[in-house]
C-alpha atoms as a PDB file:
ATOM      1  CA  MET A   1      42.833  62.565 201.963  1.00  0.00           C
ATOM      2  CA  SER A   2      44.367  65.212 203.206  1.00  0.00           C
ATOM      3  CA  PHE A   3      45.639  67.910 200.880  1.00  0.00           C
ATOM      4  CA  ARG A   4      48.403  69.467 203.701  1.00  0.00           C
ATOM      5  CA  ASN A   5      51.329  67.308 202.020  1.00  0.00           C
ATOM      6  CA  PRO A   6      51.566  67.961 198.393  1.00  0.00           C
ATOM      7  CA  GLU A   7      54.710  66.415 197.931  1.00  0.00           C
ATOM      8  CA  VAL A   8      52.968  62.959 198.820  1.00  0.00           C
ATOM      9  CA  LEU A   9      50.072  63.996 196.554  1.00  0.00           C
ATOM     10  CA  ALA A  10      51.335  65.463 193.592  1.00  0.00           C
ATOM     11  CA  PRO A  11      53.335  62.967 192.080  1.00  0.00           C
ATOM     12  CA  ARG A  12      50.394  60.357 192.560  1.00  0.00           C
ATOM     13  CA  LEU A  13      47.807  62.875 190.845  1.00  0.00           C
ATOM     14  CA  LEU A  14      50.494  62.743 187.904  1.00  0.00           C
ATOM     15  CA  SER A  15      50.148  58.966 187.620  1.00  0.00           C
ATOM     16  CA  VAL A  16      46.388  59.484 187.840  1.00  0.00           C
ATOM     17  CA  LEU A  17      46.527  61.706 185.194  1.00  0.00           C
ATOM     18  CA  ARG A  18      49.134  59.448 182.650  1.00  0.00           C
ATOM     19  CA  ILE A  19      46.846  56.779 182.976  1.00  0.00           C
ATOM     20  CA  VAL A  20      43.275  58.200 182.700  1.00  0.00           C
ATOM     21  CA  SER A  21      44.419  60.191 179.752  1.00  0.00           C
ATOM     22  CA  ALA A  22      45.932  57.391 178.348  1.00  0.00           C
ATOM     23  CA  PHE A  23      42.841  55.644 178.798  1.00  0.00           C
ATOM     24  CA  LEU A  24      40.745  58.008 177.118  1.00  0.00           C
ATOM     25  CA  LEU A  25      43.246  58.465 173.736  1.00  0.00           C
ATOM     26  CA  ILE A  26      43.123  54.607 173.775  1.00  0.00           C
ATOM     27  CA  GLN A  27      39.311  54.890 172.863  1.00  0.00           C
ATOM     28  CA  HIS A  28      40.414  57.194 169.791  1.00  0.00           C
ATOM     29  CA  GLY A  29      43.228  54.342 168.289  1.00  0.00           C
ATOM     30  CA  SER A  30      40.742  50.954 169.299  1.00  0.00           C
ATOM     31  CA  ALA A  31      37.727  53.129 167.210  1.00  0.00           C
ATOM     32  CA  LYS A  32      39.985  54.277 164.295  1.00  0.00           C
ATOM     33  CA  LEU A  33      41.867  50.509 163.879  1.00  0.00           C
ATOM     34  CA  LEU A  34      39.360  47.203 165.972  1.00  0.00           C
ATOM     35  CA  GLY A  35      36.505  49.617 165.310  1.00  0.00           C
ATOM     36  CA  PHE A  36      35.442  49.860 168.649  1.00  0.00           C
ATOM     37  CA  PRO A  37      33.815  51.392 169.826  1.00  0.00           C
ATOM     38  CA  ARG A  38      32.200  52.178 166.650  1.00  0.00           C
ATOM     39  CA  VAL A  39      32.299  55.058 164.750  1.00  0.00           C
ATOM     40  CA  ALA A  40      30.744  55.468 161.089  1.00  0.00           C
ATOM     41  CA  PHE A  41      33.439  58.026 159.956  1.00  0.00           C
ATOM     42  CA  PHE A  42      36.112  55.301 160.474  1.00  0.00           C
ATOM     43  CA  ASP A  43      34.737  52.731 158.425  1.00  0.00           C
ATOM     44  CA  ASN A  44      37.117  51.373 155.701  1.00  0.00           C
ATOM     45  CA  LEU A  45      39.881  53.533 157.411  1.00  0.00           C
ATOM     46  CA  GLN A  46      43.145  53.004 155.259  1.00  0.00           C
ATOM     47  CA  ILE A  47      45.912  51.839 157.808  1.00  0.00           C
ATOM     48  CA  PHE A  48      48.576  53.837 155.939  1.00  0.00           C
ATOM     49  CA  SER A  49      46.364  56.853 155.300  1.00  0.00           C
ATOM     50  CA  LEU A  50      46.958  60.038 157.840  1.00  0.00           C
ATOM     51  CA  LEU A  51      43.862  58.954 160.384  1.00  0.00           C
ATOM     52  CA  GLY A  52      45.277  55.373 159.946  1.00  0.00           C
ATOM     53  CA  VAL A  53      49.030  56.358 161.056  1.00  0.00           C
ATOM     54  CA  ALA A  54      46.703  58.538 163.818  1.00  0.00           C
ATOM     55  CA  GLY A  55      45.132  55.487 164.795  1.00  0.00           C
ATOM     56  CA  ILE A  56      48.244  53.738 165.370  1.00  0.00           C
ATOM     57  CA  LEU A  57      49.946  56.085 167.394  1.00  0.00           C
ATOM     58  CA  GLU A  58      46.759  56.737 169.884  1.00  0.00           C
ATOM     59  CA  LEU A  59      46.586  52.935 170.240  1.00  0.00           C
ATOM     60  CA  VAL A  60      50.408  52.330 170.799  1.00  0.00           C
ATOM     61  CA  GLY A  61      50.948  54.752 172.359  1.00  0.00           C
ATOM     62  CA  GLY A  62      48.193  55.167 174.473  1.00  0.00           C
ATOM     63  CA  VAL A  63      49.314  51.389 175.994  1.00  0.00           C
ATOM     64  CA  LEU A  64      52.933  52.518 176.502  1.00  0.00           C
ATOM     65  CA  LEU A  65      51.806  55.412 178.197  1.00  0.00           C
ATOM     66  CA  LEU A  66      48.926  53.929 180.356  1.00  0.00           C
ATOM     67  CA  ILE A  67      51.373  51.305 182.285  1.00  0.00           C
ATOM     68  CA  GLY A  68      53.843  54.348 181.999  1.00  0.00           C
ATOM     69  CA  LEU A  69      56.595  52.427 179.870  1.00  0.00           C
ATOM     70  CA  PHE A  70      59.027  54.986 177.651  1.00  0.00           C
ATOM     71  CA  THR A  71      56.500  57.966 178.982  1.00  0.00           C
ATOM     72  CA  ARG A  72      58.642  61.264 178.194  1.00  0.00           C
ATOM     73  CA  PRO A  73      59.220  60.173 174.430  1.00  0.00           C
ATOM     74  CA  THR A  74      55.906  58.462 173.649  1.00  0.00           C
ATOM     75  CA  ALA A  75      53.994  61.587 175.850  1.00  0.00           C
ATOM     76  CA  PHE A  76      55.891  64.459 173.633  1.00  0.00           C
ATOM     77  CA  VAL A  77      55.679  62.575 170.451  1.00  0.00           C
ATOM     78  CA  LEU A  78      51.957  61.936 171.254  1.00  0.00           C
ATOM     79  CA  SER A  79      51.799  65.530 172.587  1.00  0.00           C
ATOM     80  CA  GLY A  80      53.041  66.301 168.778  1.00  0.00           C
ATOM     81  CA  LEU A  81      50.346  64.350 167.129  1.00  0.00           C
ATOM     82  CA  LEU A  82      47.526  66.048 168.972  1.00  0.00           C
ATOM     83  CA  ALA A  83      49.211  69.317 168.068  1.00  0.00           C
ATOM     84  CA  PHE A  84      48.754  68.247 164.016  1.00  0.00           C
ATOM     85  CA  ALA A  85      45.381  66.605 165.025  1.00  0.00           C
ATOM     86  CA  TYR A  86      44.401  70.090 165.587  1.00  0.00           C
ATOM     87  CA  PHE A  87      45.518  72.152 162.754  1.00  0.00           C
ATOM     88  CA  LEU A  88      45.153  69.270 160.434  1.00  0.00           C
ATOM     89  CA  GLY A  89      41.444  68.263 161.633  1.00  0.00           C
ATOM     90  CA  HIS A  90      40.244  71.586 163.478  1.00  0.00           C
ATOM     91  CA  ALA A  91      41.589  74.450 162.674  1.00  0.00           C
ATOM     92  CA  THR A  92      40.739  74.268 158.758  1.00  0.00           C
ATOM     93  CA  LYS A  93      37.023  74.323 159.748  1.00  0.00           C
ATOM     94  CA  GLY A  94      38.252  77.988 160.815  1.00  0.00           C
ATOM     95  CA  PHE A  95      38.361  79.614 164.204  1.00  0.00           C
ATOM     96  CA  VAL A  96      41.497  78.821 164.860  1.00  0.00           C
ATOM     97  CA  LEU A  97      41.969  80.533 168.138  1.00  0.00           C
ATOM     98  CA  VAL A  98      38.731  78.951 169.631  1.00  0.00           C
ATOM     99  CA  PRO A  99      38.647  75.545 170.110  1.00  0.00           C
ATOM    100  CA  PHE A 100      35.243  75.465 171.176  1.00  0.00           C
ATOM    101  CA  LEU A 101      33.750  76.549 167.902  1.00  0.00           C
ATOM    102  CA  ASN A 102      35.155  74.156 165.850  1.00  0.00           C
ATOM    103  CA  GLN A 103      35.437  70.767 168.308  1.00  0.00           C
ATOM    104  CA  GLY A 104      39.158  70.753 168.536  1.00  0.00           C
ATOM    105  CA  GLU A 105      38.952  71.418 172.949  1.00  0.00           C
ATOM    106  CA  ALA A 106      40.305  67.998 173.255  1.00  0.00           C
ATOM    107  CA  ALA A 107      43.080  67.789 170.944  1.00  0.00           C
ATOM    108  CA  VAL A 108      44.280  70.754 172.302  1.00  0.00           C
ATOM    109  CA  LEU A 109      43.494  69.906 175.746  1.00  0.00           C
ATOM    110  CA  PHE A 110      45.374  66.049 175.260  1.00  0.00           C
ATOM    111  CA  SER A 111      48.115  67.929 173.312  1.00  0.00           C
ATOM    112  CA  PHE A 112      48.957  70.078 176.576  1.00  0.00           C
ATOM    113  CA  VAL A 113      48.218  67.015 179.071  1.00  0.00           C
ATOM    114  CA  PHE A 114      50.917  64.692 177.166  1.00  0.00           C
ATOM    115  CA  LEU A 115      53.514  67.791 176.549  1.00  0.00           C
ATOM    116  CA  TYR A 116      53.324  68.517 180.421  1.00  0.00           C
ATOM    117  CA  ILE A 117      53.488  64.361 180.868  1.00  0.00           C
ATOM    118  CA  ALA A 118      56.676  64.772 178.731  1.00  0.00           C
ATOM    119  CA  ALA A 119      58.351  67.232 181.345  1.00  0.00           C
ATOM    120  CA  ALA A 120      57.106  65.910 184.294  1.00  0.00           C
ATOM    121  CA  GLY A 121      57.566  62.181 183.860  1.00  0.00           C
ATOM    122  CA  ALA A 122      55.863  59.318 184.321  1.00  0.00           C
ATOM    123  CA  GLY A 123      55.196  59.410 188.168  1.00  0.00           C
ATOM    124  CA  PRO A 124      55.593  56.765 190.985  1.00  0.00           C
ATOM    125  CA  TRP A 125      52.924  53.916 189.631  1.00  0.00           C
ATOM    126  CA  SER A 126      54.556  53.603 186.349  1.00  0.00           C
ATOM    127  CA  VAL A 127      57.067  50.720 184.715  1.00  0.00           C
ATOM    128  CA  ASP A 128      59.085  53.654 184.554  1.00  0.00           C
ATOM    129  CA  ALA A 129      59.497  54.401 188.282  1.00  0.00           C
ATOM    130  CA  LEU A 130      59.898  50.177 188.889  1.00  0.00           C
ATOM    131  CA  ARG A 131      62.741  50.413 185.882  1.00  0.00           C
ATOM    132  CA  THR A 132      64.473  53.241 188.164  1.00  0.00           C
ATOM    133  CA  ARG A 133      64.287  51.598 191.227  1.00  0.00           C
ATOM    134  CA  GLY A 134      65.429  48.553 190.115  1.00  0.00           C
ATOM    135  CA  SER A 135      68.504  49.956 188.295  1.00  0.00           C
ATOM    136  CA  ALA A 136      68.875  52.228 191.965  1.00  0.00           C
ATOM    137  CA  THR A 137      69.399  48.891 193.869  1.00  0.00           C
ATOM    138  CA  ALA A 138      71.201  46.821 191.458  1.00  0.00           C
ATOM    139  CA  PRO A 139      74.341  46.392 192.265  1.00  0.00           C
ATOM    140  CA  SER A 140      76.774  47.748 189.863  1.00  0.00           C
ATOM    141  CA  PRO A 141      79.217  45.567 187.633  1.00  0.00           C
ATOM    142  CA  ALA A 142      82.191  47.454 189.258  1.00  0.00           C
ATOM    143  CA  ALA A 143      81.004  46.471 192.534  1.00  0.00           C
ATOM    144  CA  ALA A 144      80.595  42.713 191.926  1.00  0.00           C
END
C-alpha cells in the first residue's frame, strides 16, 4: 500500500472506518436486545426503557452503517445517541471532562467518529455509493 496517493486511499479508509465502527456498535445493540454477547447488566432489559431504545438504535443504525445505507442521517442520529449516552450514563459518575475516569471514552469516540461520518459520507464501499452511481448512469425520464 502506498501512501503517495491519498486521494485514492482516503475514501477507502473512510469506508473501513465506517464498517469497523458499525460492527463494534452492533455488538452493543445485540448485547442489549439479543443477549449476545451476554452482559448480565442487560438481563431483563425492558425494550421501551432508555437502554432498550438505545439498543434498537444501535442495532438498526449499526446495520445501516455497516452496509452504508442512509449513512449521513443514520450517523448523525447515532452521534447524538452516543453524546446522550456519555452525558446520561458516564458524566453523571463525575469527572465530566475526563472520560478516562468515568469509562466514557468509547461513547465520546463513537460520537465523534459518527459525526465525522455524517459529514464525510459513506465512502466508496457502500450501498449509498452504489445508489449514487446507479442514478448517475440511469437515463433521465426526459431523455427517454
